[in-house]
Protein backbone atom coordinates (compact mmCIF):
# COMPACT_ATOMS: atom_id res chain seq x y z
CA UNK A 1 32.45 -15.24 40.54
CA UNK A 2 33.09 -16.37 36.86
CA UNK A 3 29.85 -17.96 37.33
CA UNK A 4 27.88 -15.26 38.32
CA UNK A 5 29.40 -12.98 35.41
CA UNK A 6 28.66 -15.98 32.92
CA UNK A 7 24.96 -15.66 34.19
CA UNK A 8 24.54 -12.09 34.24
CA UNK A 9 25.93 -12.07 30.87
CA UNK A 10 23.07 -14.57 29.58
CA UNK A 11 20.52 -12.80 31.23
CA UNK A 12 21.57 -9.35 29.78
CA UNK A 13 21.46 -10.92 26.09
CA UNK A 14 18.34 -12.70 27.06
CA UNK A 15 16.55 -9.19 27.86
CA UNK A 16 17.73 -7.70 24.93
CA UNK A 17 16.53 -10.53 22.61
CA UNK A 18 13.20 -10.19 24.37
CA UNK A 19 12.86 -6.42 23.84
CA UNK A 20 13.65 -6.85 19.95
CA UNK A 21 11.12 -9.00 19.32
CA UNK A 22 8.42 -6.90 21.10
CA UNK A 23 9.95 -4.07 19.27
CA UNK A 24 7.65 -2.62 16.21
CA UNK A 25 8.71 -3.77 12.62
CA UNK A 26 10.61 -1.22 11.03
CA UNK A 27 8.73 0.44 8.13
CA UNK A 28 9.07 3.15 5.65
CA UNK A 29 6.13 5.34 3.66
CA UNK A 30 3.48 4.12 1.23
CA UNK A 31 1.98 6.49 -1.17
CA UNK A 32 -1.31 5.00 -2.64
CA UNK A 33 -2.89 6.73 -5.36
CA UNK A 34 -6.30 6.02 -6.34
CA UNK A 35 -5.48 6.49 -10.24
CA UNK A 36 -6.28 8.89 -12.76
CA UNK A 37 -3.91 11.38 -11.73
CA UNK A 38 -1.61 12.66 -9.22
CA UNK A 39 -1.82 15.96 -7.05
CA UNK A 40 1.04 18.26 -6.84
CA UNK A 41 1.09 18.02 -3.31
CA UNK A 42 1.32 14.03 -3.28
CA UNK A 43 4.26 14.12 -5.80
CA UNK A 44 6.27 16.58 -3.53
CA UNK A 45 5.76 14.35 -0.49
CA UNK A 46 6.93 11.65 -2.54
CA UNK A 47 10.12 13.43 -3.57
CA UNK A 48 10.54 14.41 0.20
CA UNK A 49 11.03 10.69 1.06
CA UNK A 50 13.12 9.68 -1.80
CA UNK A 51 15.49 12.14 -0.83
CA UNK A 52 18.94 11.62 -3.38
CA UNK A 53 18.24 8.23 -3.83
CA UNK A 54 17.45 6.81 -7.22
CA UNK A 55 13.61 6.52 -7.90
CA UNK A 56 13.26 3.17 -9.92
CA UNK A 57 9.33 3.18 -11.83
CA UNK A 58 8.08 -0.37 -12.27
CA UNK A 59 5.40 -0.56 -15.07
CA UNK A 60 4.77 -4.50 -14.90
CA UNK A 61 1.00 -3.67 -14.36
CA UNK A 62 0.79 -1.70 -17.65
CA UNK A 63 -0.13 -3.06 -20.82
CA UNK A 64 1.52 -0.32 -22.53
CA UNK A 65 4.87 0.14 -20.74
CA UNK A 66 6.36 2.26 -23.20
CA UNK A 67 4.10 4.96 -22.49
CA UNK A 68 3.53 4.71 -18.73
CA UNK A 69 7.41 4.35 -18.06
CA UNK A 70 8.72 7.45 -19.92
CA UNK A 71 5.64 9.46 -18.61
CA UNK A 72 6.54 8.61 -15.02
CA UNK A 73 10.07 9.50 -15.50
CA UNK A 74 9.34 12.73 -16.86
CA UNK A 75 6.89 13.20 -13.56
CA UNK A 76 9.46 12.83 -11.22
CA UNK A 77 12.36 14.65 -13.34
CA UNK A 78 9.88 17.57 -13.70
CA UNK A 79 9.47 17.55 -9.73
CA UNK A 80 13.33 17.82 -9.66
CA UNK A 81 14.55 13.96 -9.48
CA UNK A 82 18.10 13.73 -10.78
CA UNK A 83 18.21 9.75 -10.57
CA UNK A 84 15.17 8.43 -12.00
CA UNK A 85 14.64 5.53 -14.36
CA UNK A 86 11.90 3.07 -15.45
CA UNK A 87 12.18 -1.05 -15.78
CA UNK A 88 9.64 -3.34 -17.50
CA UNK A 89 9.58 -6.90 -15.96
CA UNK A 90 7.63 -9.18 -18.42
CA UNK A 91 7.64 -12.30 -16.14
CA UNK A 92 9.16 -14.40 -13.03
CA UNK A 93 12.76 -15.33 -15.02
CA UNK A 94 13.17 -11.60 -15.76
CA UNK A 95 12.15 -10.66 -12.05
CA UNK A 96 14.75 -13.10 -10.64
CA UNK A 97 17.54 -12.16 -12.86
CA UNK A 98 20.60 -10.59 -11.62
CA UNK A 99 20.63 -7.88 -14.48
CA UNK A 100 17.20 -6.83 -13.00
CA UNK A 101 18.20 -6.72 -9.04
CA UNK A 102 21.35 -4.62 -10.21
CA UNK A 103 18.42 -2.04 -10.91
CA UNK A 104 17.71 -2.01 -7.75
CA UNK A 105 21.16 -0.40 -6.36
CA UNK A 106 20.93 2.61 -4.78
CA UNK A 107 16.99 3.11 -4.72
CA UNK A 108 15.07 4.98 -2.01
CA UNK A 109 11.70 5.24 -3.92
CA UNK A 110 9.99 2.80 -5.90
CA UNK A 111 6.73 4.12 -7.97
CA UNK A 112 4.52 1.34 -9.42
CA UNK A 113 2.28 2.34 -12.38
CA UNK A 114 -1.52 1.57 -13.14
CA UNK A 115 -2.74 -1.35 -15.27
CA UNK A 116 -4.13 -4.71 -14.15
CA UNK A 117 -2.83 -5.48 -10.41
CA UNK A 118 -3.26 -9.39 -11.21
CA UNK A 119 -0.85 -8.76 -14.06
CA UNK A 120 2.17 -7.35 -11.82
CA UNK A 121 1.92 -9.99 -8.85
CA UNK A 122 1.89 -12.97 -11.69
CA UNK A 123 5.15 -11.40 -12.92
CA UNK A 124 6.75 -10.28 -9.43
CA UNK A 125 4.96 -11.98 -6.87
CA UNK A 126 7.06 -14.78 -5.07
CA UNK A 127 10.29 -13.55 -6.85
CA UNK A 128 13.52 -11.59 -5.64
CA UNK A 129 12.09 -8.47 -7.43
CA UNK A 130 9.31 -8.67 -4.64
CA UNK A 131 11.72 -9.33 -2.08
CA UNK A 132 14.08 -6.02 -3.10
CA UNK A 133 10.84 -4.05 -2.97
CA UNK A 134 10.13 -5.23 0.79
CA UNK A 135 13.68 -4.69 1.60
CA UNK A 136 13.63 -0.96 0.52
CA UNK A 137 10.11 -0.65 2.60
CA UNK A 138 11.03 -2.98 5.62
CA UNK A 139 14.34 -2.86 6.25
CA UNK A 140 15.76 0.77 4.58
CA UNK A 141 12.75 2.79 5.50
CA UNK A 142 11.95 3.60 1.60
CA UNK A 143 9.14 5.13 -0.11
CA UNK A 144 6.48 2.70 -2.22
CA UNK A 145 4.12 4.26 -4.11
CA UNK A 146 1.98 2.87 -6.47
CA UNK A 147 -1.02 4.41 -8.49
CA UNK A 148 -4.33 2.21 -9.59
CA UNK A 149 -3.44 -1.14 -10.04
CA UNK A 150 -0.27 0.07 -8.42
CA UNK A 151 -2.33 0.90 -4.99
CA UNK A 152 -4.36 -2.29 -5.36
CA UNK A 153 -1.42 -4.32 -4.58
CA UNK A 154 -0.16 -2.40 -1.46
CA UNK A 155 -2.39 -4.53 0.63
CA UNK A 156 -1.60 -8.00 1.94
CA UNK A 157 -5.34 -9.05 0.91
CA UNK A 158 -5.70 -7.79 -3.14
CA UNK A 159 -8.67 -7.46 -4.58
CA UNK A 160 -8.22 -8.40 -8.40
CA UNK A 161 -11.57 -6.59 -10.07
CA UNK A 162 -13.26 -10.03 -10.58
CA UNK A 163 -16.73 -10.71 -9.31
CA UNK A 164 -20.53 -9.55 -9.34
CA UNK A 165 -20.41 -6.06 -7.89
CA UNK A 166 -23.82 -5.50 -7.80
CA UNK A 167 -24.52 -7.67 -4.77
CA UNK A 168 -23.24 -8.09 -1.05
CA UNK A 169 -22.69 -11.77 -1.33
CA UNK A 170 -20.43 -14.26 0.29
CA UNK A 171 -17.33 -15.35 -1.42
CA UNK A 172 -18.05 -13.19 -4.25
CA UNK A 173 -15.36 -10.51 -4.68
CA UNK A 174 -12.32 -12.24 -6.06
CA UNK A 175 -9.00 -11.76 -4.30
CA UNK A 176 -5.67 -12.79 -4.23
CA UNK A 177 -2.13 -12.16 -2.36
CA UNK A 178 -0.72 -8.53 -3.22
CA UNK A 179 2.59 -7.25 -2.09
CA UNK A 180 1.26 -7.27 1.61
CA UNK A 181 3.04 -3.71 2.34
CA UNK A 182 -0.23 -2.87 4.05
CA UNK A 183 -1.36 -5.86 6.53
CA UNK A 184 -4.02 -4.31 8.07
CA UNK A 185 -6.43 -3.13 5.78
CA UNK A 186 -7.72 -3.69 2.26
CA UNK A 187 -7.30 -1.12 -0.80
CA UNK A 188 -9.57 -0.22 -3.35
CA UNK A 189 -8.74 2.69 -6.06
CA UNK A 190 -11.09 4.75 -8.22
CA UNK A 191 -13.48 4.38 -5.62
CA UNK A 192 -16.08 7.34 -5.96
CA UNK A 193 -15.51 7.59 -9.74
CA UNK A 194 -16.43 3.84 -10.38
CA UNK A 195 -18.80 3.34 -7.47
CA UNK A 196 -16.53 0.69 -6.29
CA UNK A 197 -18.73 0.83 -2.69
CA UNK A 198 -20.14 -3.09 -2.90
CA UNK A 199 -16.53 -4.60 -3.70
CA UNK A 200 -15.08 -3.03 -0.77
CA UNK A 201 -17.68 -3.34 1.56
CA UNK A 202 -17.89 -6.94 0.46
CA UNK A 203 -14.47 -7.78 1.96
CA UNK A 204 -14.50 -5.44 5.01
CA UNK A 205 -17.63 -7.67 6.18
CA UNK A 206 -15.98 -11.05 5.24
CA UNK A 207 -12.45 -10.26 6.85
CA UNK A 208 -13.09 -8.05 9.39
CA UNK A 209 -10.39 -5.64 8.03
CA UNK A 210 -10.73 -1.86 7.61
CA UNK A 211 -11.19 -1.10 3.80
CA UNK A 212 -9.88 2.33 2.04
CA UNK A 213 -11.58 3.37 -0.66
CA UNK A 214 -9.33 5.81 -2.36
CA UNK A 215 -10.84 8.03 -5.20
CA UNK A 216 -9.00 9.41 -8.24
CA UNK A 217 -6.04 12.10 -8.18
CA UNK A 218 -6.21 11.62 -4.53
CA UNK A 219 -3.66 9.60 -2.16
CA UNK A 220 -3.03 8.57 1.20
CA UNK A 221 0.64 8.63 2.80
CA UNK A 222 1.06 5.97 5.43
CA UNK A 223 3.48 7.01 7.80
CA UNK A 224 5.62 3.92 9.83
CA UNK A 225 3.39 4.48 12.49
CA UNK A 226 0.23 3.40 10.41
CA UNK A 227 -1.11 6.69 10.21
CA UNK A 228 -1.90 8.39 7.15
CA UNK A 229 -2.57 12.06 5.56
CA UNK A 230 -4.71 12.50 2.50
CA UNK A 231 -3.13 14.48 -0.57
CA UNK A 232 -5.63 15.48 -3.17
CA UNK A 233 -8.79 17.12 -4.42
CA UNK A 234 -11.13 14.05 -4.05
CA UNK A 235 -12.21 12.02 -1.09
CA UNK A 236 -11.04 8.89 0.93
CA UNK A 237 -13.69 6.43 2.51
CA UNK A 238 -13.00 3.96 5.37
CA UNK A 239 -15.11 1.48 6.28
CA UNK A 240 -14.25 -0.02 9.92
CA UNK A 241 -16.03 -3.43 11.18
CA UNK A 242 -14.10 -3.18 14.60
CA UNK A 243 -16.66 -1.38 16.58
CA UNK A 244 -19.34 -3.13 14.91
CA UNK A 245 -20.34 -6.83 14.74
CA UNK A 246 -20.45 -9.51 11.70
CA UNK A 247 -23.67 -11.26 11.82
CA UNK A 248 -24.53 -14.60 10.68
CA UNK A 249 -27.69 -14.14 7.81
CA UNK A 250 -28.66 -16.04 5.25
CA UNK A 251 -26.04 -18.51 3.50
CA UNK A 252 -24.93 -16.35 0.82
CA UNK A 253 -25.31 -13.12 1.73
CA UNK A 254 -23.50 -10.82 4.29
CA UNK A 255 -24.47 -8.91 7.21
CA UNK A 256 -23.07 -6.42 9.73
CA UNK A 257 -23.91 -3.83 12.32
CA UNK A 258 -22.17 -0.63 13.77
CA UNK A 259 -19.61 -0.28 10.97
CA UNK A 260 -17.93 2.69 11.27
CA UNK A 261 -17.67 5.27 8.12
CA UNK A 262 -15.21 8.02 8.03
CA UNK A 263 -15.08 10.52 4.71
CA UNK A 264 -11.67 12.27 4.61
CA UNK A 265 -10.34 15.03 2.49
CA UNK A 266 -7.33 16.80 1.74
CA UNK A 267 -4.99 17.50 4.81
CA UNK A 268 -6.61 15.46 7.13
CA UNK A 269 -4.82 12.66 9.23
CA UNK A 270 -5.99 9.37 10.30
CA UNK A 271 -5.02 6.58 12.53
CA UNK A 272 -5.73 3.20 10.91
CA UNK A 273 -4.85 1.68 14.19
CA UNK A 274 -7.93 2.53 16.13
CA UNK A 275 -10.08 4.02 13.06
CA UNK A 276 -9.80 7.95 14.38
CA UNK A 277 -9.38 11.06 13.11
CA UNK A 278 -6.15 12.70 14.15
CA UNK A 279 -6.21 16.14 12.57
CA UNK A 280 -8.16 18.17 10.11
CA UNK A 281 -7.25 21.65 8.58
CA UNK A 282 -8.92 24.64 8.89
CA UNK A 283 -11.70 23.83 6.01
CA UNK A 284 -12.76 26.47 3.65
């Protein structure tokens, strides 16, 4: 009898373990802004998900943190935030320091300013600060927001901004590891305003991953289930190579057929998992 009871308990534990391993990864929200401004609706969406927790503004991408930090603090205070501060981390030593990590206590929302995305990752990547950002997103279901460079770092594959953008060639667009909060696609900011079609399309064909081009003053709010909603006056473009075929062509050139293009506007919801439009508002 004791043996049967012992076997039953072990089987029960094993079943729970198997169910846990198959469970979807817990995530929070991402607000990814194309740069140059933010719509009131995007800020309100950020504030709603930040709740009563602390908002921490990180300026490590910025070349003028003493300007971008206070500006972001004012933005969120004007939107009703009671507890918001900015923090500039100038290098890995500071990013690993206990005095820096204490700033993350009680944080439910992180906002990453613009600047240079590779500068941010050089200072934050692989540090305890990066771990804290991921903890807020993956474990505590907080919201992480970023604009311009702060948008580019969201994806696992980060386009650095280096390369010849006049051609669609192999191994031409330089990438580096980003924060990896968004694992299933590539982000490009300032998309329409700065005509960044080639850099995104190149990496979409090379990697086989969907690419999202986010225009200025426009944002997407990515939900835990990998759907997103568009906020702002301009456009979002999604290149999805999954329905098509990547072709072998000239040794330096890229080739593909059947890449699906979606052009999205304010209020529309999109599913990244299968590349389909979920809903659209009554457009004027």
